[in-house]
Amino acid sequence: MLELRTITAGYERRAPVVRGVSLTLADGEAVGLLGPSGCGKSTLARVAALLHRPDAGQVVLDGEVARGWRHRAPRAQRTAYGVIFQQPRLSADPRLRLTDLIAEPLRATGLGNEAAERTAALAHRVGLGPDLLTRRPHEVSDGQLQRACLARALALRPRWLVCDEMTAMLDASTTAALVHVVEEYRRESGAGLLAVGHDRTLLSRWCDRTVSWSELTG
C-alpha cells in the first residue's frame, strides 16, 4: 500500500502548492489524479515517488515511513518506483544513446551485467527497433523518446508506476500504445499506478478510480 498522509509541499516554504493532502493507493490499484495545470498534482506525484521532500506529512510505503528522498532514500524504497514524466527531453540525458538511457537504472544499481539482455527486451516491449537504440534524443521523435523513458522506468521491475502527464505531448496512437505497455506490465507484475493528468476521459478508461484535485483539497 502507498499512503500519502497530510502532505504539504512546494518549492518555497511560505508558499506551498500542496497543503494537507492525503491519498491512499491499494496494492495493484490504478488511481487517476485529475486536475488543471499548475494545481500541484505533479508536485504531489513527485513526493509520492520520493523525488521531492515534503515540508510536512508522511509517505508510507508498505507500512514503512519514507525517511529519505531521491538518492538518499533506502534502495528498496527508491527502486520500488518507476516514473515517467510529461516532457521526455527534460528527463533524458541528451548525450546518451537510447540503449544507454534505458540501461541507466540497471547500471546505477549494480546490474550492468544484465543491461544488454534486459535493454533489448524492454526496447522490444515498448516498440523500439534496434536501429533506434543507437540514436540520441535529438535524433528521435518525442514519441520514440517517451517509449525509451517508459522502458527505463520498467527496467528495475518497479512495484509502483507514477505517470505524470505521460501522454500529454503524444498523438493518439502513441498514447494508446504506451498505455497498453503499462497495463500489460501491471497485469504481469501486480504493480500499482498513480496516473496524473487533466484528460478525464483517458484517466477514467485507464484507472480503477479517478480522484479530482478539488476532492483532495476541498
Protein backbone atom coordinates (compact mmCIF):
# COMPACT_ATOMS: atom_id res chain seq x y z
CA MET A 1 0.00 0.00 0.00
CA LEU A 2 1.11 3.54 -0.77
CA GLU A 3 -0.13 6.24 1.60
CA LEU A 4 0.30 10.00 1.38
CA ARG A 5 -0.60 11.45 4.74
CA THR A 6 -1.44 15.16 5.05
CA ILE A 7 1.26 16.22 2.61
CA THR A 8 2.27 19.86 2.41
CA ALA A 9 4.89 20.58 -0.24
CA GLY A 10 6.21 23.15 -2.65
CA TYR A 11 9.33 24.98 -3.67
CA GLU A 12 9.09 27.85 -1.19
CA ARG A 13 8.15 27.08 2.40
CA ARG A 14 5.99 30.18 2.69
CA ALA A 15 4.04 29.38 -0.47
CA PRO A 16 3.38 25.60 -0.71
CA VAL A 17 1.48 24.38 -3.76
CA VAL A 18 0.17 21.31 -1.90
CA ARG A 19 -1.48 21.79 1.50
CA GLY A 20 -2.53 18.94 3.78
CA VAL A 21 -3.36 16.45 1.02
CA SER A 22 -3.91 12.74 1.74
CA LEU A 23 -4.27 9.91 -0.77
CA THR A 24 -4.08 6.12 -0.44
CA LEU A 25 -3.43 3.56 -3.18
CA ALA A 26 -4.02 -0.13 -2.52
CA ASP A 27 -1.59 -2.73 -3.82
CA GLY A 28 -2.08 -3.16 -7.56
CA GLU A 29 -4.62 -0.34 -7.79
CA ALA A 30 -4.63 2.20 -10.63
CA VAL A 31 -5.59 5.67 -9.43
CA GLY A 32 -6.00 8.68 -11.69
CA LEU A 33 -5.27 12.13 -10.24
CA LEU A 34 -7.21 14.70 -12.24
CA GLY A 35 -6.65 18.43 -12.12
CA PRO A 36 -5.81 21.55 -14.12
CA SER A 37 -2.28 22.61 -14.96
CA GLY A 38 -0.49 24.29 -12.08
CA CYS A 39 -2.74 22.97 -9.30
CA GLY A 40 0.01 20.96 -7.56
CA LYS A 41 -0.74 17.43 -8.71
CA SER A 42 2.70 16.95 -10.28
CA THR A 43 4.36 18.10 -7.06
CA LEU A 44 2.29 15.55 -5.13
CA ALA A 45 3.32 12.85 -7.62
CA ARG A 46 6.99 13.70 -7.12
CA VAL A 47 6.52 13.46 -3.35
CA ALA A 48 4.80 10.09 -3.78
CA ALA A 49 7.76 8.81 -5.83
CA LEU A 50 10.29 10.05 -3.23
CA LEU A 51 11.67 12.65 -5.65
CA HIS A 52 10.65 15.71 -3.63
CA ARG A 53 10.81 16.11 0.14
CA PRO A 54 7.54 17.45 1.58
CA ASP A 55 7.51 20.28 4.09
CA ALA A 56 5.08 18.29 6.25
CA GLY A 57 3.31 14.94 6.22
CA GLN A 58 4.45 11.39 5.53
CA VAL A 59 4.84 8.98 2.65
CA VAL A 60 4.24 5.43 3.86
CA LEU A 61 5.21 2.51 1.64
CA ASP A 62 4.04 -0.93 2.79
CA GLY A 63 3.67 0.34 6.32
CA GLU A 64 7.15 1.89 6.45
CA VAL A 65 7.54 5.65 6.63
CA ALA A 66 9.88 7.06 3.99
CA ARG A 67 12.97 8.54 5.63
CA GLY A 68 14.95 9.68 2.60
CA TRP A 69 14.41 11.35 -0.73
CA ARG A 70 15.95 10.99 -4.17
CA HIS A 71 19.37 9.29 -3.89
CA ARG A 72 19.19 9.31 -0.09
CA ALA A 73 16.11 7.11 0.01
CA PRO A 74 16.78 3.49 1.01
CA ARG A 75 17.42 1.45 -2.12
CA ALA A 76 14.48 -0.88 -1.51
CA GLN A 77 12.11 2.11 -1.45
CA ARG A 78 13.83 4.09 -4.19
CA THR A 79 13.76 1.21 -6.65
CA ALA A 80 10.12 0.39 -5.91
CA TYR A 81 9.12 3.21 -8.27
CA GLY A 82 9.21 3.74 -11.98
CA VAL A 83 8.46 7.32 -13.02
CA ILE A 84 7.56 8.71 -16.44
CA PHE A 85 7.36 12.47 -16.87
CA GLN A 86 5.45 14.66 -19.30
CA GLN A 87 8.45 16.04 -21.19
CA PRO A 88 10.89 13.28 -22.14
CA ARG A 89 13.52 15.73 -23.39
CA LEU A 90 13.83 17.22 -19.91
CA SER A 91 14.21 13.80 -18.28
CA ALA A 92 16.69 12.28 -20.75
CA ASP A 93 20.43 12.96 -20.84
CA PRO A 94 20.99 14.30 -24.39
CA ARG A 95 24.43 12.69 -24.52
CA LEU A 96 23.17 9.13 -24.11
CA ARG A 97 22.12 6.74 -26.83
CA LEU A 98 18.67 5.30 -26.20
CA THR A 99 20.15 1.93 -25.27
CA ASP A 100 22.21 3.61 -22.52
CA LEU A 101 19.24 5.68 -21.42
CA ILE A 102 17.19 2.53 -20.86
CA ALA A 103 20.07 0.82 -19.07
CA GLU A 104 20.73 3.73 -16.65
CA PRO A 105 18.86 2.25 -13.66
CA LEU A 106 20.45 -1.16 -14.14
CA ARG A 107 23.97 0.22 -14.14
CA ALA A 108 23.23 2.57 -11.24
CA THR A 109 22.12 -0.36 -9.07
CA GLY A 110 24.95 -2.74 -9.93
CA LEU A 111 23.07 -4.76 -12.56
CA GLY A 112 25.17 -3.68 -15.51
CA ASN A 113 25.89 -7.29 -16.41
CA GLU A 114 22.19 -7.72 -17.23
CA ALA A 115 21.91 -4.48 -19.16
CA ALA A 116 22.34 -5.76 -22.72
CA GLU A 117 19.75 -8.53 -22.47
CA ARG A 118 17.20 -6.58 -20.46
CA THR A 119 17.56 -3.43 -22.54
CA ALA A 120 16.86 -5.36 -25.74
CA ALA A 121 13.77 -6.96 -24.17
CA LEU A 122 12.49 -3.65 -22.83
CA ALA A 123 13.05 -1.88 -26.15
CA HIS A 124 11.07 -4.58 -27.93
CA ARG A 125 8.32 -4.28 -25.34
CA VAL A 126 7.83 -0.55 -25.90
CA GLY A 127 8.15 -0.77 -29.69
CA LEU A 128 11.68 0.50 -30.31
CA GLY A 129 13.62 -1.24 -33.07
CA PRO A 130 17.37 -1.92 -32.84
CA ASP A 131 18.10 0.88 -35.31
CA LEU A 132 16.68 3.47 -32.89
CA LEU A 133 18.68 2.29 -29.88
CA THR A 134 21.92 3.70 -31.28
CA ARG A 135 20.42 7.18 -31.65
CA ARG A 136 20.50 10.05 -29.19
CA PRO A 137 17.45 12.02 -28.03
CA HIS A 138 17.79 14.78 -30.64
CA GLU A 139 17.72 12.13 -33.37
CA VAL A 140 14.32 10.67 -32.46
CA SER A 141 10.76 11.95 -32.11
CA ASP A 142 9.06 12.84 -28.82
CA GLY A 143 7.04 9.64 -29.05
CA GLN A 144 10.10 7.47 -29.62
CA LEU A 145 11.95 9.15 -26.76
CA GLN A 146 8.98 8.68 -24.43
CA ARG A 147 8.95 4.99 -25.33
CA ALA A 148 12.59 4.83 -24.22
CA CYS A 149 11.74 6.67 -20.99
CA LEU A 150 8.97 4.17 -20.29
CA ALA A 151 11.39 1.30 -20.90
CA ARG A 152 13.81 2.92 -18.46
CA ALA A 153 11.03 3.21 -15.86
CA LEU A 154 10.34 -0.52 -16.15
CA ALA A 155 13.99 -1.59 -16.01
CA LEU A 156 14.05 -2.40 -12.29
CA ARG A 157 10.63 -4.07 -12.34
CA PRO A 158 9.02 -1.48 -10.04
CA ARG A 159 6.01 -2.19 -7.85
CA TRP A 160 4.64 1.32 -8.37
CA LEU A 161 4.43 3.35 -11.56
CA VAL A 162 3.97 7.11 -11.42
CA CYS A 163 2.94 8.54 -14.79
CA ASP A 164 2.97 12.33 -14.62
CA GLU A 165 1.15 13.56 -17.74
CA MET A 166 2.99 10.78 -19.58
CA THR A 167 0.95 11.11 -22.77
CA ALA A 168 0.25 14.86 -22.82
CA MET A 169 2.68 15.54 -25.68
CA LEU A 170 1.86 12.43 -27.72
CA ASP A 171 -0.54 11.62 -30.52
CA ALA A 172 -3.48 9.26 -30.01
CA SER A 173 -1.81 6.16 -31.45
CA THR A 174 1.34 6.55 -29.35
CA THR A 175 -0.75 7.28 -26.27
CA ALA A 176 -2.71 4.06 -26.80
CA ALA A 177 0.48 2.07 -27.34
CA LEU A 178 2.17 3.31 -24.17
CA VAL A 179 -0.92 2.86 -22.02
CA HIS A 180 -1.12 -0.70 -23.36
CA VAL A 181 2.50 -1.35 -22.32
CA VAL A 182 1.84 0.00 -18.83
CA GLU A 183 -1.27 -2.14 -18.42
CA GLU A 184 0.45 -5.25 -19.77
CA TYR A 185 3.25 -4.76 -17.25
CA ARG A 186 0.77 -4.21 -14.44
CA ARG A 187 -1.12 -7.41 -15.29
CA GLU A 188 2.10 -9.38 -15.17
CA SER A 189 3.60 -7.79 -12.07
CA GLY A 190 0.68 -6.61 -9.97
CA ALA A 191 2.17 -3.11 -9.85
CA GLY A 192 0.12 -0.16 -8.72
CA LEU A 193 -0.28 3.04 -10.73
CA LEU A 194 -0.66 6.73 -10.00
CA ALA A 195 -1.56 8.43 -13.28
CA VAL A 196 -1.59 12.22 -13.19
CA GLY A 197 -3.38 14.17 -15.89
CA HIS A 198 -6.07 16.59 -16.98
CA ASP A 199 -7.80 14.31 -19.51
CA ARG A 200 -10.79 12.94 -17.63
CA THR A 201 -11.73 10.52 -20.43
CA LEU A 202 -8.27 8.94 -20.58
CA LEU A 203 -7.98 8.58 -16.81
CA SER A 204 -11.48 7.13 -16.42
CA ARG A 205 -10.74 4.48 -19.05
CA TRP A 206 -7.28 3.74 -17.76
CA CYS A 207 -7.71 3.70 -13.98
CA ASP A 208 -9.75 1.82 -11.42
CA ARG A 209 -10.82 5.13 -9.94
CA THR A 210 -10.16 8.80 -10.57
CA VAL A 211 -9.74 11.42 -7.86
CA SER A 212 -10.08 15.10 -8.72
CA TRP A 213 -7.73 17.62 -7.16
CA SER A 214 -10.71 19.51 -5.76
CA GLU A 215 -11.76 16.41 -3.80
CA LEU A 216 -8.36 16.27 -2.12
CA THR A 217 -8.16 19.95 -1.31
CA GLY A 218 -11.80 20.96 -0.84
